[in-house]
Protein backbone atom coordinates (compact mmCIF):
# COMPACT_ATOMS: atom_id res chain seq x y z
CA MET A 1 0.00 0.00 0.00
CA LYS A 2 1.37 3.37 -1.03
CA LEU A 3 -0.42 6.66 -1.62
CA VAL A 4 -0.05 10.44 -1.57
CA ILE A 5 -2.82 12.68 -0.28
CA GLU A 6 -3.21 16.38 0.46
CA ARG A 7 -3.11 17.16 4.18
CA GLY A 8 -6.45 19.05 4.18
CA GLU A 9 -8.36 16.17 2.56
CA LEU A 10 -6.81 13.67 4.97
CA LEU A 11 -7.57 15.82 8.03
CA LYS A 12 -11.17 16.45 6.98
CA ALA A 13 -11.87 12.71 6.74
CA LEU A 14 -10.05 11.96 9.99
CA ASN A 15 -12.08 14.66 11.77
CA HIS A 16 -15.26 12.84 10.75
CA VAL A 17 -14.30 9.26 11.56
CA THR A 18 -12.10 9.49 14.67
CA SER A 19 -14.89 10.90 16.83
CA VAL A 20 -16.41 7.42 17.27
CA VAL A 21 -13.06 5.92 18.34
CA GLU A 22 -12.79 5.53 22.12
CA ARG A 23 -9.50 6.84 23.53
CA ARG A 24 -9.51 4.06 26.12
CA THR A 25 -10.67 0.61 25.18
CA THR A 26 -9.86 -2.93 26.26
CA ILE A 27 -9.98 -4.09 22.63
CA PRO A 28 -6.83 -2.75 20.86
CA ILE A 29 -8.24 -2.96 17.33
CA LEU A 30 -11.02 -0.49 18.29
CA SER A 31 -8.37 2.18 18.87
CA ASN A 32 -7.51 1.93 15.17
CA ILE A 33 -9.11 3.06 11.96
CA LEU A 34 -9.16 0.96 8.81
CA LEU A 35 -7.52 2.50 5.73
CA ARG A 36 -8.30 0.92 2.36
CA ALA A 37 -6.64 2.36 -0.76
CA SER A 38 -7.62 1.36 -4.28
CA GLY A 39 -8.48 2.94 -7.62
CA GLY A 40 -7.69 6.53 -6.67
CA VAL A 41 -9.82 6.38 -3.52
CA LEU A 42 -8.84 6.17 0.15
CA ARG A 43 -11.62 4.77 2.35
CA PHE A 44 -11.71 5.24 6.13
CA ASN A 45 -13.63 3.09 8.62
CA ALA A 46 -13.94 3.56 12.39
CA THR A 47 -16.20 1.80 14.91
CA ASP A 48 -16.92 1.31 18.60
CA LEU A 49 -19.03 -1.83 17.85
CA GLU A 50 -22.23 0.23 18.32
CA ARG A 51 -21.61 2.82 15.60
CA GLU A 52 -19.50 2.88 12.46
CA VAL A 53 -18.46 5.91 10.41
CA SER A 54 -16.95 5.47 6.96
CA GLU A 55 -15.81 8.05 4.41
CA GLU A 56 -14.16 8.14 1.00
CA THR A 57 -11.79 10.74 -0.37
CA THR A 58 -9.62 10.98 -3.48
CA ALA A 59 -5.92 10.17 -3.24
CA ASP A 60 -3.02 9.38 -5.57
CA VAL A 61 -2.95 5.62 -4.96
CA ILE A 62 0.34 4.19 -6.20
CA GLU A 63 -0.18 0.73 -4.73
CA ASP A 64 -3.47 -0.73 -3.46
CA GLY A 65 -3.63 -2.00 0.11
CA VAL A 66 -5.44 -2.13 3.43
CA ILE A 67 -4.23 -1.64 7.01
CA THR A 68 -5.39 -0.37 10.42
CA VAL A 69 -3.54 2.37 12.32
CA PRO A 70 -3.99 4.17 15.68
CA ALA A 71 -6.77 6.67 15.01
CA HIS A 72 -6.07 9.50 17.42
CA MET A 73 -2.30 9.37 16.92
CA LEU A 74 -2.69 9.63 13.15
CA HIS A 75 -5.22 12.43 13.58
CA ASP A 76 -2.89 14.38 15.91
CA ILE A 77 0.05 14.02 13.50
CA VAL A 78 -1.92 15.20 10.47
CA ARG A 79 -3.48 18.07 12.44
CA LYS A 80 0.00 19.41 13.27
CA LEU A 81 1.30 19.31 9.70
CA PRO A 82 1.37 22.61 7.75
CA ASP A 83 -1.55 23.59 5.50
CA GLY A 84 -1.24 22.41 1.92
CA ALA A 85 1.36 19.74 2.75
CA GLN A 86 1.47 16.52 0.74
CA VAL A 87 1.39 13.35 2.87
CA GLU A 88 2.89 10.07 1.66
CA ILE A 89 1.63 6.94 3.42
CA THR A 90 3.41 3.61 2.86
CA ARG A 91 2.76 0.23 4.43
CA ASP A 92 5.75 -1.79 5.63
CA VAL A 93 4.41 -5.36 5.32
CA GLU A 94 7.33 -7.06 7.06
CA ARG A 95 7.22 -4.89 10.19
CA GLU A 96 3.42 -4.47 10.08
CA ARG A 97 3.53 -0.70 10.37
CA ILE A 98 3.02 2.36 8.19
CA SER A 99 5.37 5.22 7.49
CA LEU A 100 4.07 8.73 7.02
CA VAL A 101 6.28 11.30 5.30
CA SER A 102 5.50 14.97 4.77
CA GLY A 103 8.29 17.38 3.85
CA GLN A 104 11.05 16.89 6.41
CA SER A 105 8.72 15.10 8.86
CA GLN A 106 8.76 11.31 9.09
CA PHE A 107 6.64 9.09 11.33
CA ALA A 108 6.32 5.34 11.78
CA LEU A 109 3.14 3.96 13.34
CA GLN A 110 2.52 0.43 14.56
CA ALA A 111 -0.32 -1.21 12.66
CA LEU A 112 -2.70 -4.11 13.26
CA PRO A 113 -3.98 -6.57 10.62
CA ALA A 114 -7.05 -5.45 8.70
CA GLU A 115 -8.56 -8.94 9.08
CA ASP A 116 -9.05 -8.25 12.80
CA PHE A 117 -11.09 -5.09 12.21
CA PRO A 118 -14.81 -5.62 13.03
CA ASP A 119 -17.36 -5.15 10.28
CA LEU A 120 -20.59 -3.51 11.40
CA ALA A 121 -22.27 -4.43 8.12
CA ALA A 122 -25.72 -2.89 8.00
CA GLY A 123 -27.21 -5.63 5.83
CA GLU A 124 -30.47 -5.09 3.99
CA MET A 125 -32.51 -2.03 4.95
CA SER A 126 -36.29 -2.53 4.76
CA HIS A 127 -36.97 1.18 4.25
CA ASN A 128 -34.89 3.84 2.50
CA PHE A 129 -35.75 7.49 2.00
CA THR A 130 -34.03 10.78 1.25
CA MET A 131 -34.70 14.05 3.05
CA PRO A 132 -33.16 17.53 3.20
CA ALA A 133 -30.23 17.62 5.62
CA HIS A 134 -31.50 20.80 7.32
CA GLU A 135 -34.82 19.07 8.07
CA LEU A 136 -33.10 16.11 9.71
CA LYS A 137 -30.86 18.48 11.66
CA ARG A 138 -33.93 20.38 12.84
CA LEU A 139 -35.58 17.12 13.89
CA ILE A 140 -32.56 16.39 16.08
CA ASP A 141 -32.08 19.95 17.36
CA LYS A 142 -35.64 20.26 18.62
CA THR A 143 -35.77 16.96 20.50
CA ARG A 144 -32.32 15.78 21.63
CA PHE A 145 -32.21 17.99 24.74
CA ALA A 146 -34.99 15.85 26.27
CA ILE A 147 -33.18 12.49 25.83
CA SER A 148 -32.83 10.71 29.16
CA THR A 149 -29.37 9.98 30.59
CA GLU A 150 -30.76 7.50 33.14
CA GLU A 151 -29.26 4.15 32.19
CA THR A 152 -31.87 2.07 34.06
CA ARG A 153 -34.55 3.19 31.60
CA TYR A 154 -32.33 2.52 28.60
CA TYR A 155 -35.27 2.70 26.17
CA LEU A 156 -35.45 6.46 26.85
CA ASN A 157 -31.75 6.97 26.00
CA GLY A 158 -32.47 8.03 22.43
CA ILE A 159 -34.86 9.64 19.96
CA TYR A 160 -37.91 7.61 18.94
CA LEU A 161 -38.28 8.05 15.16
CA HIS A 162 -41.50 6.73 13.68
CA THR A 163 -44.46 7.48 11.45
CA ALA A 164 -47.73 8.74 12.88
CA SER A 165 -51.14 9.84 11.70
CA HIS A 166 -51.91 13.53 12.18
CA GLY A 167 -55.51 14.33 11.27
CA GLU A 168 -55.86 16.21 8.00
CA ALA A 169 -52.08 16.24 7.51
CA GLY A 170 -52.18 12.47 7.05
CA GLU A 171 -49.03 10.51 7.84
CA VAL A 172 -46.05 12.41 9.24
CA LEU A 173 -42.51 11.55 10.29
CA ARG A 174 -42.31 12.14 14.04
CA ALA A 175 -39.41 12.32 16.48
CA VAL A 176 -40.00 12.09 20.24
CA ALA A 177 -37.65 12.23 23.22
CA THR A 178 -38.47 12.24 26.93
CA ASP A 179 -36.71 11.83 30.27
CA GLY A 180 -39.91 11.52 32.30
CA HIS A 181 -39.82 15.19 33.36
CA ARG A 182 -40.25 16.75 29.92
CA LEU A 183 -41.14 15.61 26.43
CA ALA A 184 -40.16 17.03 23.04
CA GLN A 185 -41.95 16.14 19.81
CA LEU A 186 -41.42 17.35 16.26
CA GLU A 187 -43.26 16.38 13.10
CA LEU A 188 -42.21 16.70 9.48
CA GLU A 189 -43.90 15.94 6.20
CA MET A 190 -43.52 12.24 5.41
CA PRO A 191 -40.53 11.63 3.08
CA LEU A 192 -41.18 9.40 0.07
CA GLY A 193 -40.28 5.82 1.05
CA ALA A 194 -40.68 6.24 4.82
CA SER A 195 -44.30 5.10 5.00
CA GLY A 196 -44.67 1.86 6.92
CA MET A 197 -41.17 1.99 8.42
CA PRO A 198 -40.70 0.39 11.85
CA GLY A 199 -40.54 2.75 14.83
CA VAL A 200 -36.89 2.88 15.95
CA ILE A 201 -35.00 4.32 18.94
CA ILE A 202 -31.77 5.99 17.77
CA PRO A 203 -29.18 5.97 20.62
CA ARG A 204 -28.05 9.24 22.21
CA LYS A 205 -24.41 8.83 21.07
CA THR A 206 -25.55 8.25 17.49
CA VAL A 207 -27.83 11.30 17.64
CA HIS A 208 -24.94 13.52 18.77
CA GLU A 209 -22.61 12.05 16.13
CA LEU A 210 -25.21 12.59 13.40
CA HIS A 211 -25.75 16.17 14.55
CA ARG A 212 -22.00 16.79 14.32
CA LEU A 213 -21.78 15.37 10.79
CA LEU A 214 -24.74 17.48 9.66
CA GLU A 215 -22.92 20.65 10.77
CA ASP A 216 -20.80 20.48 7.60
CA GLY A 217 -23.63 21.83 5.45
CA ALA A 218 -24.71 18.76 3.45
CA LYS A 219 -27.80 19.23 1.28
CA GLU A 220 -29.43 15.78 1.47
CA VAL A 221 -29.32 12.70 3.67
CA THR A 222 -30.34 9.19 2.65
CA VAL A 223 -31.74 7.24 5.60
CA GLY A 224 -31.92 3.46 5.71
CA ILE A 225 -33.83 1.66 8.48
CA SER A 226 -34.19 -1.97 9.49
CA ASP A 227 -35.42 -3.59 12.72
CA THR A 228 -31.92 -3.52 14.26
CA LYS A 229 -29.89 -0.81 12.50
CA VAL A 230 -30.07 2.66 11.00
CA ARG A 231 -27.83 4.12 8.31
CA PHE A 232 -27.31 7.76 7.31
CA GLU A 233 -25.52 8.61 4.06
CA ILE A 234 -24.32 12.22 4.02
CA GLY A 235 -22.31 12.91 0.86
CA GLN A 236 -19.20 10.71 1.09
CA ILE A 237 -19.83 9.90 4.76
CA THR A 238 -21.85 6.93 6.01
CA LEU A 239 -22.90 6.56 9.65
CA THR A 240 -24.26 3.15 10.63
CA SER A 241 -25.59 2.41 14.09
CA LYS A 242 -27.28 -0.29 16.09
CA LEU A 243 -30.68 0.68 17.48
CA ILE A 244 -31.81 0.55 21.11
CA ASP A 245 -33.55 -2.80 21.56
CA GLY A 246 -36.53 -1.79 23.67
CA GLN A 247 -40.11 -0.59 23.62
CA PHE A 248 -40.59 3.18 23.70
CA PRO A 249 -43.44 4.04 26.12
CA ASP A 250 -46.87 5.19 24.97
CA TYR A 251 -45.94 8.86 25.12
CA GLY A 252 -49.40 9.91 23.91
CA ARG A 253 -50.75 9.25 27.40
CA VAL A 254 -48.70 12.11 28.91
CA ILE A 255 -49.65 14.71 26.30
CA PRO A 256 -52.49 16.66 27.94
CA GLN A 257 -55.74 16.98 26.02
CA GLY A 258 -57.87 19.17 28.29
CA ASN A 259 -55.56 22.06 29.14
CA ASP A 260 -57.84 25.08 28.64
CA LYS A 261 -55.85 27.94 30.24
CA GLU A 262 -53.79 29.69 27.56
CA MET A 263 -50.85 32.00 28.24
CA ARG A 264 -49.03 33.77 25.42
CA VAL A 265 -45.73 35.42 26.26
CA SER A 266 -42.81 37.04 24.44
CA ASN A 267 -40.21 34.31 24.29
CA VAL A 268 -37.28 36.74 24.63
CA GLU A 269 -38.79 38.48 27.69
CA PHE A 270 -39.76 35.16 29.29
CA THR A 271 -36.34 33.58 28.74
CA SER A 272 -34.48 36.60 30.12
CA ALA A 273 -36.72 36.85 33.20
CA VAL A 274 -36.47 33.14 34.03
CA ASP A 275 -32.72 33.30 33.57
CA ARG A 276 -32.42 36.28 35.93
CA VAL A 277 -34.58 35.00 38.80
CA SER A 278 -33.14 31.48 38.61
CA THR A 279 -29.74 32.91 39.55
CA ILE A 280 -30.98 32.69 43.15
CA ALA A 281 -32.27 29.09 42.82
CA SER A 282 -30.42 26.24 44.49
CA GLU A 283 -28.57 23.86 42.21
CA ARG A 284 -30.61 20.93 43.50
CA GLY A 285 -34.10 22.38 43.11
CA ARG A 286 -33.83 24.99 40.36
CA ALA A 287 -37.53 25.69 41.02
CA VAL A 288 -39.23 28.81 39.64
CA LYS A 289 -42.77 29.68 40.70
CA MET A 290 -45.07 31.18 38.06
CA ASN A 291 -48.01 33.23 39.37
CA LEU A 292 -50.49 33.90 36.57
CA GLU A 293 -53.07 36.68 36.71
CA ALA A 294 -54.93 38.64 34.07
CA ASP A 295 -52.25 39.73 31.58
CA LYS A 296 -49.50 39.54 34.23
CA LEU A 297 -46.97 36.86 35.10
CA THR A 298 -44.91 37.02 38.29
CA LEU A 299 -41.85 34.81 38.40
CA SER A 300 -40.37 34.14 41.83
CA VAL A 301 -37.63 32.07 43.41
CA THR A 302 -37.01 31.52 47.12
CA ASN A 303 -33.81 29.92 48.32
CA PRO A 304 -33.44 29.67 52.14
CA GLU A 305 -29.68 29.81 51.73
CA GLY A 306 -29.35 32.29 48.86
CA GLY A 307 -32.20 34.78 49.15
CA SER A 308 -35.16 35.48 46.88
CA ALA A 309 -36.02 37.08 43.56
CA THR A 310 -39.18 38.20 41.75
CA GLU A 311 -39.90 39.71 38.35
CA GLU A 312 -43.12 40.68 36.57
CA ILE A 313 -43.70 40.54 32.82
CA SER A 314 -46.72 41.23 30.61
CA ILE A 315 -48.56 38.28 29.08
CA GLU A 316 -51.83 37.47 27.33
CA TYR A 317 -53.88 35.50 29.87
CA LYS A 318 -57.65 35.65 30.53
CA ALA A 319 -58.31 32.54 32.68
CA GLU A 320 -58.57 32.44 36.48
CA PRO A 321 -55.39 33.08 38.50
CA MET A 322 -53.14 30.12 39.25
CA GLU A 323 -49.71 29.23 40.61
CA ILE A 324 -47.44 26.56 39.16
CA GLY A 325 -43.74 25.71 39.54
CA PHE A 326 -41.19 24.41 37.05
CA ASN A 327 -37.53 23.51 36.89
CA ALA A 328 -35.85 26.65 35.52
CA ARG A 329 -33.36 24.68 33.43
CA TYR A 330 -36.18 22.78 31.72
CA LEU A 331 -38.07 26.01 30.99
CA LEU A 332 -34.96 27.54 29.41
CA ASP A 333 -34.23 24.39 27.37
CA ILE A 334 -37.71 24.45 25.84
CA ALA A 335 -37.67 28.22 25.27
CA ALA A 336 -34.38 27.83 23.38
CA GLN A 337 -36.13 25.58 20.81
CA LEU A 338 -38.84 28.09 19.92
CA GLU A 339 -38.28 29.96 16.65
CA SER A 340 -41.11 32.50 16.69
CA ASP A 341 -41.48 35.56 18.91
CA HIS A 342 -44.11 34.09 21.23
CA ALA A 343 -44.45 30.95 23.34
CA VAL A 344 -47.91 29.50 24.00
CA PHE A 345 -48.44 27.69 27.32
CA MET A 346 -51.54 25.52 27.70
CA LEU A 347 -52.16 24.84 31.41
CA ALA A 348 -54.69 22.92 33.51
CA ASP A 349 -53.72 23.23 37.19
CA SER A 350 -50.65 23.32 39.44
CA GLY A 351 -50.29 19.53 39.53
CA SER A 352 -50.84 18.62 35.86
CA PRO A 353 -48.47 18.58 32.87
CA THR A 354 -48.24 21.81 30.86
CA MET A 355 -48.04 21.92 27.09
CA VAL A 356 -45.79 24.47 25.34
CA ARG A 357 -46.02 25.32 21.66
CA ASP A 358 -44.25 27.63 19.27
CA SER A 359 -46.86 30.19 18.17
CA GLU A 360 -45.95 29.74 14.49
CA ASP A 361 -44.71 26.14 14.34
CA GLY A 362 -47.51 23.60 14.49
CA GLY A 363 -45.11 20.66 14.14
CA ALA A 364 -43.31 21.26 17.44
CA LEU A 365 -44.78 20.30 20.82
CA TYR A 366 -43.29 20.25 24.32
CA VAL A 367 -44.69 18.86 27.56
CA LEU A 368 -43.34 19.83 30.98
CA MET A 369 -44.12 18.26 34.36
CA PRO A 370 -44.62 20.79 37.19
CA MET A 371 -42.68 20.96 40.45
CA ARG A 372 -44.00 21.60 43.94
CA VAL A 373 -42.84 25.02 45.13
């Protein structure tokens, strides 16, 4: 194996694939990435046995070959080379290592046999569809903050992606995440080919990796889904992941149907006020009390050790007065997802879940459990 590649192209690919490589692992081969050179193309593969990222880039391949090398060490070397440098990579078969030469810099890295590298082959996907990359990114952005980190309820440790029926809109593609304290749901128009797909739970690590890959400004993503795996093709990058093997709860039961008290509030004013008064809140409780009256909201926090804070803001509210408490961090997380100027809160009473909507985005829905204050 022998090839020459421009430093920028090599670094770009390594940036994408090395993120799934654990820095500490008991299985040595998982610290490596697989390099396969043939026909003017250098292909990269990296995996942690749960996820696999692969990418192709052009290279001047002088001699075909395949080898695995330490991922983070290679990435660090290439990152420190000067911009525009040419990098020559050669495999030393006898010593089972590769040499890397760029200008006056020379490196030799110990390699491991390619035959030992695990193959997370996706197999046949029952459903395949293509969607705009910005839509998939939005689907993730609006829901991932509510993913649970509690390992005992592992089936909540991801985003539940499935199809659903939505009245006159017909079938939609829906993403849901919940940690038991809050729920985030976003709906998109059904992509061609997604109808009838199985509902799948995409793991938290995969969600974050996908979000990172979508940051590069791709235009389209091809999604493949089976009962056990999901695959995302983003340009020359392919992310394959195992799914969470579990049953996502019937989240529809926690979405309130009879909340008849409506509060409309400027999202900017609300976010700023909550942020200010919560400065006083204890780290453990983070509770903010909301006192609703006709067209007036009073936010208050009392901390026996830190003091107290109150702030009034104008709202649109015509129902009877009520008091309700929420975790300030959860309120701010939801407010950060809203794109329009106003947030709409649909409330029932101080002990029931509250529904929050974006005033101009009918596809987004958030549910928040109250706190006792």
